Each structure stands twice: as structure tokens, then as C-alpha cells.
C-alpha atoms as a PDB file:
ATOM      1  CA  MET A   1     137.675 175.621 155.846  1.00  0.00           C
ATOM      2  CA  ASP A   2     136.981 178.363 153.333  1.00  0.00           C
ATOM      3  CA  SER A   3     135.449 181.767 153.857  1.00  0.00           C
ATOM      4  CA  SER A   4     132.155 180.863 152.223  1.00  0.00           C
ATOM      5  CA  THR A   5     131.667 178.092 154.681  1.00  0.00           C
ATOM      6  CA  LEU A   6     132.400 180.318 157.622  1.00  0.00           C
ATOM      7  CA  ARG A   7     129.993 182.879 156.291  1.00  0.00           C
ATOM      8  CA  LEU A   8     127.374 180.141 156.020  1.00  0.00           C
ATOM      9  CA  VAL A   9     127.975 179.108 159.653  1.00  0.00           C
ATOM     10  CA  TRP A  10     127.338 182.584 160.884  1.00  0.00           C
ATOM     11  CA  ASP A  11     124.321 183.038 158.532  1.00  0.00           C
ATOM     12  CA  VAL A  12     122.755 179.898 160.013  1.00  0.00           C
ATOM     13  CA  ILE A  13     123.432 181.199 163.502  1.00  0.00           C
ATOM     14  CA  GLU A  14     121.681 184.442 162.577  1.00  0.00           C
ATOM     15  CA  GLU A  15     118.715 182.554 161.140  1.00  0.00           C
ATOM     16  CA  THR A  16     118.282 180.283 164.190  1.00  0.00           C
ATOM     17  CA  GLN A  17     115.809 181.325 166.868  1.00  0.00           C
ATOM     18  CA  ASN A  18     117.388 183.046 169.865  1.00  0.00           C
ATOM     19  CA  SER A  19     115.693 180.706 172.316  1.00  0.00           C
ATOM     20  CA  GLU A  20     117.285 177.645 170.679  1.00  0.00           C
ATOM     21  CA  LEU A  21     120.701 179.208 170.741  1.00  0.00           C
ATOM     22  CA  LEU A  22     120.398 180.273 174.372  1.00  0.00           C
ATOM     23  CA  HIS A  23     118.737 177.237 175.967  1.00  0.00           C
ATOM     24  CA  LEU A  24     120.143 174.211 174.277  1.00  0.00           C
ATOM     25  CA  PRO A  25     123.111 172.429 175.916  1.00  0.00           C
ATOM     26  CA  ASP A  26     126.371 172.933 174.073  1.00  0.00           C
ATOM     27  CA  THR A  27     126.407 169.544 172.344  1.00  0.00           C
ATOM     28  CA  ALA A  28     122.770 169.935 171.233  1.00  0.00           C
ATOM     29  CA  LEU A  29     123.507 173.416 169.935  1.00  0.00           C
ATOM     30  CA  VAL A  30     126.468 172.236 167.896  1.00  0.00           C
ATOM     31  CA  LYS A  31     124.467 169.357 166.455  1.00  0.00           C
ATOM     32  CA  LEU A  32     121.508 171.607 165.573  1.00  0.00           C
ATOM     33  CA  LEU A  33     123.793 174.075 163.755  1.00  0.00           C
ATOM     34  CA  LEU A  34     125.578 171.268 161.921  1.00  0.00           C
ATOM     35  CA  GLN A  35     122.247 169.761 160.826  1.00  0.00           C
ATOM     36  CA  ARG A  36     121.061 173.151 159.453  1.00  0.00           C
ATOM     37  CA  ILE A  37     124.356 173.773 157.692  1.00  0.00           C
ATOM     38  CA  SER A  38     124.353 170.304 156.138  1.00  0.00           C
ATOM     39  CA  ARG A  39     120.890 171.036 154.719  1.00  0.00           C
ATOM     40  CA  LYS A  40     122.375 173.908 152.779  1.00  0.00           C
ATOM     41  CA  ILE A  41     125.668 172.338 151.528  1.00  0.00           C
ATOM     42  CA  LEU A  42     127.060 168.892 151.141  1.00  0.00           C
ATOM     43  CA  LEU A  43     129.731 168.300 153.781  1.00  0.00           C
ATOM     44  CA  SER A  44     132.457 165.681 153.729  1.00  0.00           C
ATOM     45  CA  GLY A  45     133.268 163.802 156.924  1.00  0.00           C
ATOM     46  CA  GLU A  46     136.360 165.997 157.420  1.00  0.00           C
ATOM     47  CA  GLU A  47     134.348 169.162 156.996  1.00  0.00           C
ATOM     48  CA  VAL A  48     131.804 167.977 159.563  1.00  0.00           C
ATOM     49  CA  CYS A  49     134.653 167.378 162.068  1.00  0.00           C
ATOM     50  CA  LEU A  50     136.166 170.782 161.299  1.00  0.00           C
ATOM     51  CA  LEU A  51     132.843 172.525 161.695  1.00  0.00           C
ATOM     52  CA  TYR A  52     132.073 170.554 164.865  1.00  0.00           C
ATOM     53  CA  ASP A  53     135.365 171.746 166.395  1.00  0.00           C
ATOM     54  CA  TYR A  54     134.879 175.313 165.145  1.00  0.00           C
ATOM     55  CA  ILE A  55     131.396 175.659 166.533  1.00  0.00           C
ATOM     56  CA  SER A  56     132.201 173.858 169.784  1.00  0.00           C
ATOM     57  CA  THR A  57     134.941 176.294 170.595  1.00  0.00           C
ATOM     58  CA  ARG A  58     132.625 179.264 169.895  1.00  0.00           C
ATOM     59  CA  THR A  59     129.465 178.333 171.805  1.00  0.00           C
ATOM     60  CA  ARG A  60     130.182 181.041 174.474  1.00  0.00           C
ATOM     61  CA  LEU A  61     130.685 183.628 171.712  1.00  0.00           C
ATOM     62  CA  ILE A  62     127.478 182.500 169.974  1.00  0.00           C
ATOM     63  CA  ARG A  63     125.505 182.813 173.205  1.00  0.00           C
ATOM     64  CA  ASP A  64     127.061 186.241 173.993  1.00  0.00           C
ATOM     65  CA  ILE A  65     126.091 187.550 170.565  1.00  0.00           C
ATOM     66  CA  VAL A  66     122.523 186.207 170.932  1.00  0.00           C
ATOM     67  CA  GLU A  67     122.208 187.739 174.393  1.00  0.00           C
ATOM     68  CA  SER A  68     123.277 191.105 173.055  1.00  0.00           C
ATOM     69  CA  ARG A  69     120.660 190.861 170.297  1.00  0.00           C
ATOM     70  CA  VAL A  70     117.803 190.238 172.796  1.00  0.00           C
ATOM     71  CA  ALA A  71     118.956 192.824 175.319  1.00  0.00           C
END
């Protein structure tokens, strides 16, 4: 996964409403972010799998960042 894709992931996270990021279950959160990313760039099947794994392992970090934004 290249740096521009990683930047896009975190840009999409920043653009997403805090309430969605905090209240969705992990799998729904990952799916939501993947859908929004795939609207911006064309992803291969391999890239979808890589992003799914990347986002899945960072859901706690994502929620911690969002909680610090709203605090």
C-alpha cells in the first residue's frame, strides 16, 4: 500500500462524522470507510483486502482520535 492511499484513508476518517466513527460496530465502521475510499479511487481486490486489514487493526486508534477531537 502506498503513501497516497494511506493519506486517503486518514483523510476519509477526518471527513467522516464523529458519531459514525464512535457508534458503529467495528465491522460496520470498516465497511463504511472502505465504501467511502472506493468512491474516491478504484481499488483492486487485493487493495480492498489490504485496506480492510489495515483499518480493522486500527479501529481502536480511530476511535481514540475521534474521542480526543470531541473532548
